């Protein structure tokens, strides 16, 4: 069992904080900016990771309801983030490779992405409805959380869930490393986020080591995120080399530039990921503490 002196960080206040801070950032009369969207999506990912940690200590119906709430709120905001991120990436690529973009003026999808967003007076009806929907979802979830008893959580079961998450990340790492396609890399990234957001509650096991592991995993996640943003850009452009025998040399060159960027990000991921998620490695070894049989 875990040492008697060990105390895991309280989960309920943290979860309440994720919901409360998200609501504080949202105004039903103002379209959320890029940073607000990013921050709330992170809060929703943290909230989902917490629900997975609690899964075996709360009712299944409670888990399903709250998990779906946080997932739905995050998905509603995903499109807002992607549009601004893809525009920013294209502008950076244009700055580095102006000659390529000079030859891409006829590519409509790129022009639409890179062009300035139209000025809209106030909220569009669609955005307004989405905002109200998200706010309502989170308010109801926050209210339900007030009555959810999390006072007697078993730290052994929480740690067991963390170990399960860790083993899942290892599997995703091996899969992504052997079959390097965007969907596998995206899944690996999602699972690393689950793990690092759950790990936060276990810092007391070995504070210095755990914080260092968190930092290293966050770096992996950032590089996988940059890779994924570029993958989404290629997909959004609709690029398919040689489709119907038609090629566009300038577009081919842009995609090669993007592939080079993706390779750079992955080259930073694999060595560190191997150290942290090597198959056969135990969580106890990674975090540098000993634990008796649970």
C-alpha atoms as a PDB file:
ATOM      1  CA  UNK A   1       0.000   0.000   0.000  1.00  0.00           C
ATOM      2  CA  UNK A   2       0.986   3.625  -0.298  1.00  0.00           C
ATOM      3  CA  UNK A   3       2.913   5.216   2.570  1.00  0.00           C
ATOM      4  CA  UNK A   4       0.645   6.696   5.240  1.00  0.00           C
ATOM      5  CA  UNK A   5       2.333  10.085   4.952  1.00  0.00           C
ATOM      6  CA  UNK A   6       1.653  10.416   1.254  1.00  0.00           C
ATOM      7  CA  UNK A   7      -1.189  12.738   0.321  1.00  0.00           C
ATOM      8  CA  UNK A   8      -2.554  12.977  -3.200  1.00  0.00           C
ATOM      9  CA  UNK A   9      -3.682  16.414  -4.297  1.00  0.00           C
ATOM     10  CA  UNK A  10      -7.401  17.008  -3.741  1.00  0.00           C
ATOM     11  CA  UNK A  11      -9.250  16.326  -6.979  1.00  0.00           C
ATOM     12  CA  UNK A  12     -12.605  18.020  -6.440  1.00  0.00           C
ATOM     13  CA  UNK A  13     -11.249  21.576  -5.971  1.00  0.00           C
ATOM     14  CA  UNK A  14      -9.072  21.154  -9.054  1.00  0.00           C
ATOM     15  CA  UNK A  15     -11.966  19.911 -11.184  1.00  0.00           C
ATOM     16  CA  UNK A  16     -14.205  22.699  -9.903  1.00  0.00           C
ATOM     17  CA  UNK A  17     -11.446  25.128 -10.801  1.00  0.00           C
ATOM     18  CA  UNK A  18     -11.227  23.879 -14.394  1.00  0.00           C
ATOM     19  CA  UNK A  19     -14.958  24.412 -14.839  1.00  0.00           C
ATOM     20  CA  UNK A  20     -15.074  27.724 -12.989  1.00  0.00           C
ATOM     21  CA  UNK A  21     -12.117  29.213 -14.870  1.00  0.00           C
ATOM     22  CA  UNK A  22     -13.635  28.142 -18.180  1.00  0.00           C
ATOM     23  CA  UNK A  23     -16.903  29.865 -17.344  1.00  0.00           C
ATOM     24  CA  UNK A  24     -15.034  32.988 -16.228  1.00  0.00           C
ATOM     25  CA  UNK A  25     -13.396  33.214 -19.647  1.00  0.00           C
ATOM     26  CA  UNK A  26     -16.668  32.944 -21.574  1.00  0.00           C
ATOM     27  CA  UNK A  27     -18.938  35.887 -22.343  1.00  0.00           C
ATOM     28  CA  UNK A  28     -22.156  35.061 -24.232  1.00  0.00           C
ATOM     29  CA  UNK A  29     -21.963  38.439 -25.997  1.00  0.00           C
ATOM     30  CA  UNK A  30     -18.346  38.287 -27.163  1.00  0.00           C
ATOM     31  CA  UNK A  31     -16.734  35.852 -29.568  1.00  0.00           C
ATOM     32  CA  UNK A  32     -13.852  34.146 -27.720  1.00  0.00           C
ATOM     33  CA  UNK A  33     -10.373  34.912 -28.984  1.00  0.00           C
ATOM     34  CA  UNK A  34      -7.715  32.374 -29.874  1.00  0.00           C
ATOM     35  CA  UNK A  35      -6.141  32.318 -26.382  1.00  0.00           C
ATOM     36  CA  UNK A  36      -9.510  31.908 -24.659  1.00  0.00           C
ATOM     37  CA  UNK A  37     -10.428  29.020 -26.946  1.00  0.00           C
ATOM     38  CA  UNK A  38      -7.051  27.385 -26.336  1.00  0.00           C
ATOM     39  CA  UNK A  39      -7.248  27.774 -22.551  1.00  0.00           C
ATOM     40  CA  UNK A  40     -10.776  26.392 -22.309  1.00  0.00           C
ATOM     41  CA  UNK A  41      -9.937  23.427 -24.516  1.00  0.00           C
ATOM     42  CA  UNK A  42      -7.023  22.652 -22.184  1.00  0.00           C
ATOM     43  CA  UNK A  43      -9.347  22.862 -19.167  1.00  0.00           C
ATOM     44  CA  UNK A  44     -11.735  20.454 -20.878  1.00  0.00           C
ATOM     45  CA  UNK A  45      -8.910  17.997 -21.596  1.00  0.00           C
ATOM     46  CA  UNK A  46      -7.790  18.197 -17.980  1.00  0.00           C
ATOM     47  CA  UNK A  47     -11.365  17.605 -16.835  1.00  0.00           C
ATOM     48  CA  UNK A  48     -11.721  14.516 -19.024  1.00  0.00           C
ATOM     49  CA  UNK A  49      -8.419  13.156 -17.715  1.00  0.00           C
ATOM     50  CA  UNK A  50      -9.688  13.624 -14.149  1.00  0.00           C
ATOM     51  CA  UNK A  51     -12.916  11.768 -14.933  1.00  0.00           C
ATOM     52  CA  UNK A  52     -10.882   8.817 -16.222  1.00  0.00           C
ATOM     53  CA  UNK A  53      -8.902   8.856 -12.997  1.00  0.00           C
ATOM     54  CA  UNK A  54     -12.156   8.712 -11.003  1.00  0.00           C
ATOM     55  CA  UNK A  55     -13.870   6.193 -13.244  1.00  0.00           C
ATOM     56  CA  UNK A  56     -13.832   3.249 -10.842  1.00  0.00           C
ATOM     57  CA  UNK A  57     -14.832   5.269  -7.785  1.00  0.00           C
ATOM     58  CA  UNK A  58     -17.942   7.039  -9.066  1.00  0.00           C
ATOM     59  CA  UNK A  59     -21.156   5.802 -10.617  1.00  0.00           C
ATOM     60  CA  UNK A  60     -20.908   4.888 -14.283  1.00  0.00           C
ATOM     61  CA  UNK A  61     -23.776   7.231 -15.170  1.00  0.00           C
ATOM     62  CA  UNK A  62     -21.937  10.122 -13.499  1.00  0.00           C
ATOM     63  CA  UNK A  63     -18.748   9.350 -15.366  1.00  0.00           C
ATOM     64  CA  UNK A  64     -20.512   9.101 -18.722  1.00  0.00           C
ATOM     65  CA  UNK A  65     -22.494  12.320 -18.224  1.00  0.00           C
ATOM     66  CA  UNK A  66     -19.592  14.497 -17.105  1.00  0.00           C
ATOM     67  CA  UNK A  67     -17.085  13.034 -19.545  1.00  0.00           C
ATOM     68  CA  UNK A  68     -19.446  13.645 -22.458  1.00  0.00           C
ATOM     69  CA  UNK A  69     -20.074  17.181 -21.206  1.00  0.00           C
ATOM     70  CA  UNK A  70     -16.376  18.068 -21.252  1.00  0.00           C
ATOM     71  CA  UNK A  71     -15.820  16.347 -24.590  1.00  0.00           C
ATOM     72  CA  UNK A  72     -18.762  18.150 -26.196  1.00  0.00           C
ATOM     73  CA  UNK A  73     -17.625  21.551 -24.918  1.00  0.00           C
ATOM     74  CA  UNK A  74     -14.140  20.961 -26.310  1.00  0.00           C
ATOM     75  CA  UNK A  75     -15.399  19.779 -29.671  1.00  0.00           C
ATOM     76  CA  UNK A  76     -17.668  22.788 -30.065  1.00  0.00           C
ATOM     77  CA  UNK A  77     -14.615  25.032 -29.784  1.00  0.00           C
ATOM     78  CA  UNK A  78     -12.261  22.957 -31.932  1.00  0.00           C
ATOM     79  CA  UNK A  79     -13.230  24.524 -35.255  1.00  0.00           C
ATOM     80  CA  UNK A  80     -12.683  28.038 -33.887  1.00  0.00           C
ATOM     81  CA  UNK A  81      -9.152  27.117 -32.893  1.00  0.00           C
ATOM     82  CA  UNK A  82      -8.233  25.267 -36.077  1.00  0.00           C
ATOM     83  CA  UNK A  83      -9.125  28.132 -38.403  1.00  0.00           C
ATOM     84  CA  UNK A  84      -6.943  30.654 -36.576  1.00  0.00           C
ATOM     85  CA  UNK A  85      -4.066  28.200 -36.117  1.00  0.00           C
ATOM     86  CA  UNK A  86      -3.999  27.163 -39.778  1.00  0.00           C
ATOM     87  CA  UNK A  87      -4.026  30.797 -40.853  1.00  0.00           C
ATOM     88  CA  UNK A  88      -1.098  31.549 -38.560  1.00  0.00           C
ATOM     89  CA  UNK A  89       0.898  28.560 -39.856  1.00  0.00           C
ATOM     90  CA  UNK A  90       0.339  29.541 -43.473  1.00  0.00           C
ATOM     91  CA  UNK A  91       1.449  33.106 -42.799  1.00  0.00           C
ATOM     92  CA  UNK A  92       4.659  31.867 -41.172  1.00  0.00           C
ATOM     93  CA  UNK A  93       5.327  29.574 -44.119  1.00  0.00           C
ATOM     94  CA  UNK A  94       4.672  32.434 -46.524  1.00  0.00           C
ATOM     95  CA  UNK A  95       7.152  34.612 -44.649  1.00  0.00           C
ATOM     96  CA  UNK A  96       9.835  31.914 -44.927  1.00  0.00           C
ATOM     97  CA  UNK A  97       9.027  30.898 -48.520  1.00  0.00           C
ATOM     98  CA  UNK A  98       7.507  33.878 -50.341  1.00  0.00           C
ATOM     99  CA  UNK A  99       8.562  32.511 -53.735  1.00  0.00           C
ATOM    100  CA  UNK A 100       6.421  29.396 -53.285  1.00  0.00           C
ATOM    101  CA  UNK A 101       3.343  31.385 -52.296  1.00  0.00           C
ATOM    102  CA  UNK A 102       3.783  33.675 -55.279  1.00  0.00           C
ATOM    103  CA  UNK A 103       3.134  30.585 -57.394  1.00  0.00           C
ATOM    104  CA  UNK A 104       0.178  29.491 -55.277  1.00  0.00           C
ATOM    105  CA  UNK A 105      -2.079  32.475 -55.901  1.00  0.00           C
ATOM    106  CA  UNK A 106      -4.524  30.352 -57.861  1.00  0.00           C
ATOM    107  CA  UNK A 107      -5.015  27.753 -55.138  1.00  0.00           C
ATOM    108  CA  UNK A 108      -8.401  28.742 -53.741  1.00  0.00           C
ATOM    109  CA  UNK A 109      -8.255  26.780 -50.484  1.00  0.00           C
ATOM    110  CA  UNK A 110      -4.975  28.408 -49.514  1.00  0.00           C
ATOM    111  CA  UNK A 111      -6.327  31.850 -50.376  1.00  0.00           C
ATOM    112  CA  UNK A 112      -9.382  31.252 -48.217  1.00  0.00           C
ATOM    113  CA  UNK A 113      -7.291  30.079 -45.268  1.00  0.00           C
ATOM    114  CA  UNK A 114      -4.669  32.777 -45.413  1.00  0.00           C
ATOM    115  CA  UNK A 115      -6.999  35.664 -46.176  1.00  0.00           C
ATOM    116  CA  UNK A 116      -8.118  38.047 -43.476  1.00  0.00           C
ATOM    117  CA  UNK A 117     -11.292  36.902 -41.726  1.00  0.00           C
ATOM    118  CA  UNK A 118     -14.289  38.988 -42.618  1.00  0.00           C
ATOM    119  CA  UNK A 119     -15.327  41.630 -40.135  1.00  0.00           C
ATOM    120  CA  UNK A 120     -18.550  40.727 -38.412  1.00  0.00           C
ATOM    121  CA  UNK A 121     -20.508  43.154 -36.274  1.00  0.00           C
ATOM    122  CA  UNK A 122     -21.034  41.221 -33.048  1.00  0.00           C
ATOM    123  CA  UNK A 123     -21.613  37.505 -32.875  1.00  0.00           C
ATOM    124  CA  UNK A 124     -22.930  35.418 -35.702  1.00  0.00           C
ATOM    125  CA  UNK A 125     -26.114  33.564 -34.701  1.00  0.00           C
ATOM    126  CA  UNK A 126     -24.277  30.240 -34.995  1.00  0.00           C
ATOM    127  CA  UNK A 127     -21.399  31.308 -32.724  1.00  0.00           C
ATOM    128  CA  UNK A 128     -23.815  32.849 -30.237  1.00  0.00           C
ATOM    129  CA  UNK A 129     -25.811  29.634 -30.009  1.00  0.00           C
ATOM    130  CA  UNK A 130     -22.652  27.584 -29.526  1.00  0.00           C
ATOM    131  CA  UNK A 131     -21.456  29.896 -26.762  1.00  0.00           C
ATOM    132  CA  UNK A 132     -24.748  29.710 -24.901  1.00  0.00           C
ATOM    133  CA  UNK A 133     -24.760  25.934 -25.290  1.00  0.00           C
ATOM    134  CA  UNK A 134     -21.229  25.571 -23.897  1.00  0.00           C
ATOM    135  CA  UNK A 135     -21.926  27.913 -20.980  1.00  0.00           C
ATOM    136  CA  UNK A 136     -25.089  25.992 -20.139  1.00  0.00           C
ATOM    137  CA  UNK A 137     -23.249  22.662 -20.280  1.00  0.00           C
ATOM    138  CA  UNK A 138     -20.520  23.838 -17.923  1.00  0.00           C
ATOM    139  CA  UNK A 139     -22.847  25.556 -15.490  1.00  0.00           C
ATOM    140  CA  UNK A 140     -24.903  22.395 -15.107  1.00  0.00           C
ATOM    141  CA  UNK A 141     -21.774  20.290 -14.708  1.00  0.00           C
ATOM    142  CA  UNK A 142     -20.401  22.675 -12.079  1.00  0.00           C
ATOM    143  CA  UNK A 143     -23.681  22.510 -10.178  1.00  0.00           C
ATOM    144  CA  UNK A 144     -23.724  18.700 -10.240  1.00  0.00           C
ATOM    145  CA  UNK A 145     -20.121  18.580  -9.057  1.00  0.00           C
ATOM    146  CA  UNK A 146     -21.067  20.433  -5.867  1.00  0.00           C
ATOM    147  CA  UNK A 147     -23.067  17.386  -4.772  1.00  0.00           C
ATOM    148  CA  UNK A 148     -20.568  14.756  -5.896  1.00  0.00           C
ATOM    149  CA  UNK A 149     -18.900  13.157  -2.871  1.00  0.00           C
ATOM    150  CA  UNK A 150     -15.193  12.755  -3.504  1.00  0.00           C
ATOM    151  CA  UNK A 151     -14.086  12.850   0.116  1.00  0.00           C
ATOM    152  CA  UNK A 152     -13.191   9.191   0.519  1.00  0.00           C
ATOM    153  CA  UNK A 153     -11.279   8.400  -2.643  1.00  0.00           C
ATOM    154  CA  UNK A 154      -8.968   5.408  -2.414  1.00  0.00           C
ATOM    155  CA  UNK A 155      -5.456   6.580  -3.436  1.00  0.00           C
ATOM    156  CA  UNK A 156      -4.543   3.012  -4.366  1.00  0.00           C
ATOM    157  CA  UNK A 157      -7.317   2.893  -6.960  1.00  0.00           C
ATOM    158  CA  UNK A 158      -6.327   6.324  -8.252  1.00  0.00           C
ATOM    159  CA  UNK A 159      -2.751   5.148  -8.679  1.00  0.00           C
ATOM    160  CA  UNK A 160      -3.996   2.012 -10.414  1.00  0.00           C
ATOM    161  CA  UNK A 161      -5.841   4.173 -12.937  1.00  0.00           C
ATOM    162  CA  UNK A 162      -2.677   6.220 -13.471  1.00  0.00           C
ATOM    163  CA  UNK A 163      -0.770   3.003 -14.173  1.00  0.00           C
ATOM    164  CA  UNK A 164      -3.425   1.927 -16.673  1.00  0.00           C
ATOM    165  CA  UNK A 165      -3.127   5.291 -18.423  1.00  0.00           C
ATOM    166  CA  UNK A 166       0.665   4.936 -18.500  1.00  0.00           C
ATOM    167  CA  UNK A 167       0.428   1.485 -20.073  1.00  0.00           C
ATOM    168  CA  UNK A 168      -2.019   2.865 -22.647  1.00  0.00           C
ATOM    169  CA  UNK A 169       0.461   5.598 -23.587  1.00  0.00           C
ATOM    170  CA  UNK A 170       3.200   2.996 -24.028  1.00  0.00           C
ATOM    171  CA  UNK A 171       0.973   1.064 -26.422  1.00  0.00           C
ATOM    172  CA  UNK A 172       0.159   4.223 -28.384  1.00  0.00           C
ATOM    173  CA  UNK A 173       3.846   5.155 -28.517  1.00  0.00           C
ATOM    174  CA  UNK A 174       4.838   1.783 -29.958  1.00  0.00           C
ATOM    175  CA  UNK A 175       1.984   1.951 -32.463  1.00  0.00           C
ATOM    176  CA  UNK A 176       2.862   5.491 -33.566  1.00  0.00           C
ATOM    177  CA  UNK A 177       6.561   4.689 -33.815  1.00  0.00           C
ATOM    178  CA  UNK A 178       5.949   1.647 -36.011  1.00  0.00           C
ATOM    179  CA  UNK A 179       3.133   3.088 -38.110  1.00  0.00           C
ATOM    180  CA  UNK A 180       3.805   6.804 -38.411  1.00  0.00           C
ATOM    181  CA  UNK A 181       0.519   8.038 -39.758  1.00  0.00           C
ATOM    182  CA  UNK A 182      -1.218  11.195 -38.465  1.00  0.00           C
ATOM    183  CA  UNK A 183      -4.057   9.335 -36.738  1.00  0.00           C
ATOM    184  CA  UNK A 184      -1.639   7.217 -34.673  1.00  0.00           C
ATOM    185  CA  UNK A 185       0.492  10.222 -33.756  1.00  0.00           C
ATOM    186  CA  UNK A 186      -2.616  12.167 -32.775  1.00  0.00           C
ATOM    187  CA  UNK A 187      -3.792   9.306 -30.553  1.00  0.00           C
ATOM    188  CA  UNK A 188      -0.360   9.102 -28.937  1.00  0.00           C
ATOM    189  CA  UNK A 189      -0.495  12.830 -28.231  1.00  0.00           C
ATOM    190  CA  UNK A 190      -3.977  12.619 -26.698  1.00  0.00           C
ATOM    191  CA  UNK A 191      -2.960   9.816 -24.372  1.00  0.00           C
ATOM    192  CA  UNK A 192       0.215  11.630 -23.259  1.00  0.00           C
ATOM    193  CA  UNK A 193      -2.021  14.540 -22.255  1.00  0.00           C
ATOM    194  CA  UNK A 194      -4.278  12.250 -20.230  1.00  0.00           C
ATOM    195  CA  UNK A 195      -1.233  10.906 -18.438  1.00  0.00           C
ATOM    196  CA  UNK A 196       0.438  14.231 -17.661  1.00  0.00           C
ATOM    197  CA  UNK A 197      -2.829  15.813 -16.490  1.00  0.00           C
ATOM    198  CA  UNK A 198      -3.429  12.850 -14.165  1.00  0.00           C
ATOM    199  CA  UNK A 199       0.183  12.772 -13.010  1.00  0.00           C
ATOM    200  CA  UNK A 200      -0.226  16.293 -11.630  1.00  0.00           C
ATOM    201  CA  UNK A 201      -2.247  14.887  -8.719  1.00  0.00           C
ATOM    202  CA  UNK A 202       0.596  12.540  -7.727  1.00  0.00           C
ATOM    203  CA  UNK A 203       3.454  15.026  -7.394  1.00  0.00           C
ATOM    204  CA  UNK A 204       3.769  14.222  -3.695  1.00  0.00           C
ATOM    205  CA  UNK A 205       5.088  10.750  -4.567  1.00  0.00           C
ATOM    206  CA  UNK A 206       8.393  12.325  -5.597  1.00  0.00           C
ATOM    207  CA  UNK A 207       7.935  16.074  -6.308  1.00  0.00           C
ATOM    208  CA  UNK A 208      11.194  16.850  -8.107  1.00  0.00           C
ATOM    209  CA  UNK A 209      11.119  13.762 -10.318  1.00  0.00           C
ATOM    210  CA  UNK A 210       7.402  14.029 -11.130  1.00  0.00           C
ATOM    211  CA  UNK A 211       7.683  17.684 -12.122  1.00  0.00           C
ATOM    212  CA  UNK A 212      10.631  16.847 -14.370  1.00  0.00           C
ATOM    213  CA  UNK A 213       8.650  14.046 -16.042  1.00  0.00           C
ATOM    214  CA  UNK A 214       5.713  16.415 -16.527  1.00  0.00           C
ATOM    215  CA  UNK A 215       8.008  18.954 -18.180  1.00  0.00           C
ATOM    216  CA  UNK A 216       9.461  16.357 -20.545  1.00  0.00           C
ATOM    217  CA  UNK A 217       6.039  15.000 -21.493  1.00  0.00           C
ATOM    218  CA  UNK A 218       4.714  18.508 -22.107  1.00  0.00           C
ATOM    219  CA  UNK A 219       7.601  19.050 -24.539  1.00  0.00           C
ATOM    220  CA  UNK A 220       6.662  15.826 -26.345  1.00  0.00           C
ATOM    221  CA  UNK A 221       3.051  16.993 -26.503  1.00  0.00           C
ATOM    222  CA  UNK A 222       3.971  20.396 -27.911  1.00  0.00           C
ATOM    223  CA  UNK A 223       6.033  18.877 -30.717  1.00  0.00           C
ATOM    224  CA  UNK A 224       3.329  16.321 -31.509  1.00  0.00           C
ATOM    225  CA  UNK A 225       0.817  19.169 -31.499  1.00  0.00           C
ATOM    226  CA  UNK A 226       2.852  21.140 -34.039  1.00  0.00           C
ATOM    227  CA  UNK A 227       3.137  18.020 -36.185  1.00  0.00           C
ATOM    228  CA  UNK A 228      -0.627  17.516 -35.959  1.00  0.00           C
ATOM    229  CA  UNK A 229      -1.425  21.124 -36.876  1.00  0.00           C
ATOM    230  CA  UNK A 230       0.614  20.692 -40.053  1.00  0.00           C
ATOM    231  CA  UNK A 231      -1.137  17.389 -40.791  1.00  0.00           C
ATOM    232  CA  UNK A 232      -4.512  19.117 -40.407  1.00  0.00           C
ATOM    233  CA  UNK A 233      -3.306  21.875 -42.737  1.00  0.00           C
ATOM    234  CA  UNK A 234      -2.364  19.364 -45.454  1.00  0.00           C
ATOM    235  CA  UNK A 235      -5.734  17.655 -45.062  1.00  0.00           C
ATOM    236  CA  UNK A 236      -7.626  20.966 -45.130  1.00  0.00           C
ATOM    237  CA  UNK A 237      -5.849  22.042 -48.297  1.00  0.00           C
ATOM    238  CA  UNK A 238      -7.048  18.765 -49.789  1.00  0.00           C
ATOM    239  CA  UNK A 239      -3.621  17.737 -51.024  1.00  0.00           C
ATOM    240  CA  UNK A 240      -3.406  14.334 -52.680  1.00  0.00           C
ATOM    241  CA  UNK A 241      -0.235  13.848 -54.672  1.00  0.00           C
ATOM    242  CA  UNK A 242      -0.799  12.849 -58.271  1.00  0.00           C
ATOM    243  CA  UNK A 243      -4.555  12.456 -57.932  1.00  0.00           C
ATOM    244  CA  UNK A 244      -6.042  11.898 -61.389  1.00  0.00           C
ATOM    245  CA  UNK A 245      -2.567  12.477 -62.818  1.00  0.00           C
ATOM    246  CA  UNK A 246      -2.748  16.204 -62.019  1.00  0.00           C
ATOM    247  CA  UNK A 247       0.163  17.860 -60.208  1.00  0.00           C
ATOM    248  CA  UNK A 248       0.921  21.396 -59.080  1.00  0.00           C
ATOM    249  CA  UNK A 249       4.701  21.823 -58.658  1.00  0.00           C
ATOM    250  CA  UNK A 250       4.353  24.819 -56.328  1.00  0.00           C
ATOM    251  CA  UNK A 251       1.882  22.960 -54.113  1.00  0.00           C
ATOM    252  CA  UNK A 252       4.101  19.871 -54.161  1.00  0.00           C
ATOM    253  CA  UNK A 253       7.003  22.030 -53.009  1.00  0.00           C
ATOM    254  CA  UNK A 254       4.947  23.567 -50.199  1.00  0.00           C
ATOM    255  CA  UNK A 255       3.961  20.118 -48.968  1.00  0.00           C
ATOM    256  CA  UNK A 256       7.607  19.020 -49.010  1.00  0.00           C
ATOM    257  CA  UNK A 257       8.458  22.051 -46.880  1.00  0.00           C
ATOM    258  CA  UNK A 258       5.681  21.034 -44.494  1.00  0.00           C
ATOM    259  CA  UNK A 259       6.945  17.438 -44.401  1.00  0.00           C
ATOM    260  CA  UNK A 260      10.414  18.720 -43.488  1.00  0.00           C
ATOM    261  CA  UNK A 261       8.920  20.710 -40.624  1.00  0.00           C
ATOM    262  CA  UNK A 262       7.009  17.655 -39.423  1.00  0.00           C
ATOM    263  CA  UNK A 263      10.191  15.564 -39.528  1.00  0.00           C
ATOM    264  CA  UNK A 264      11.961  18.141 -37.342  1.00  0.00           C
ATOM    265  CA  UNK A 265       9.215  17.973 -34.729  1.00  0.00           C
ATOM    266  CA  UNK A 266       9.186  14.180 -34.692  1.00  0.00           C
ATOM    267  CA  UNK A 267      12.978  14.054 -34.365  1.00  0.00           C
ATOM    268  CA  UNK A 268      12.529  15.850 -31.035  1.00  0.00           C
ATOM    269  CA  UNK A 269       9.762  13.475 -29.944  1.00  0.00           C
ATOM    270  CA  UNK A 270      11.189   9.986 -30.400  1.00  0.00           C
ATOM    271  CA  UNK A 271      14.328  10.036 -28.196  1.00  0.00           C
ATOM    272  CA  UNK A 272      12.505  11.499 -25.182  1.00  0.00           C
ATOM    273  CA  UNK A 273       9.405   9.357 -25.740  1.00  0.00           C
ATOM    274  CA  UNK A 274      11.582   6.239 -25.768  1.00  0.00           C
ATOM    275  CA  UNK A 275      13.077   7.147 -22.387  1.00  0.00           C
ATOM    276  CA  UNK A 276       9.672   7.748 -20.797  1.00  0.00           C
ATOM    277  CA  UNK A 277       7.444   5.213 -22.564  1.00  0.00           C
ATOM    278  CA  UNK A 278       9.818   2.365 -23.389  1.00  0.00           C
ATOM    279  CA  UNK A 279       7.881  -0.939 -23.508  1.00  0.00           C
ATOM    280  CA  UNK A 280       8.286  -2.952 -20.318  1.00  0.00           C
ATOM    281  CA  UNK A 281       9.135   0.055 -18.158  1.00  0.00           C
ATOM    282  CA  UNK A 282       7.130   0.348 -14.943  1.00  0.00           C
ATOM    283  CA  UNK A 283       5.582   3.526 -13.610  1.00  0.00           C
ATOM    284  CA  UNK A 284       7.396   2.983 -10.316  1.00  0.00           C
ATOM    285  CA  UNK A 285      10.746   3.079 -12.126  1.00  0.00           C
ATOM    286  CA  UNK A 286       9.819   6.196 -14.071  1.00  0.00           C
ATOM    287  CA  UNK A 287       8.765   8.159 -11.000  1.00  0.00           C
ATOM    288  CA  UNK A 288      11.491   6.838  -8.735  1.00  0.00           C
ATOM    289  CA  UNK A 289       9.481   5.479  -5.817  1.00  0.00           C
ATOM    290  CA  UNK A 290       8.741   2.069  -4.408  1.00  0.00           C
ATOM    291  CA  UNK A 291       5.272   0.717  -3.776  1.00  0.00           C
ATOM    292  CA  UNK A 292       4.063  -2.484  -2.166  1.00  0.00           C
ATOM    293  CA  UNK A 293       1.404  -4.635  -3.800  1.00  0.00           C
ATOM    294  CA  UNK A 294      -1.902  -2.793  -4.057  1.00  0.00           C
END
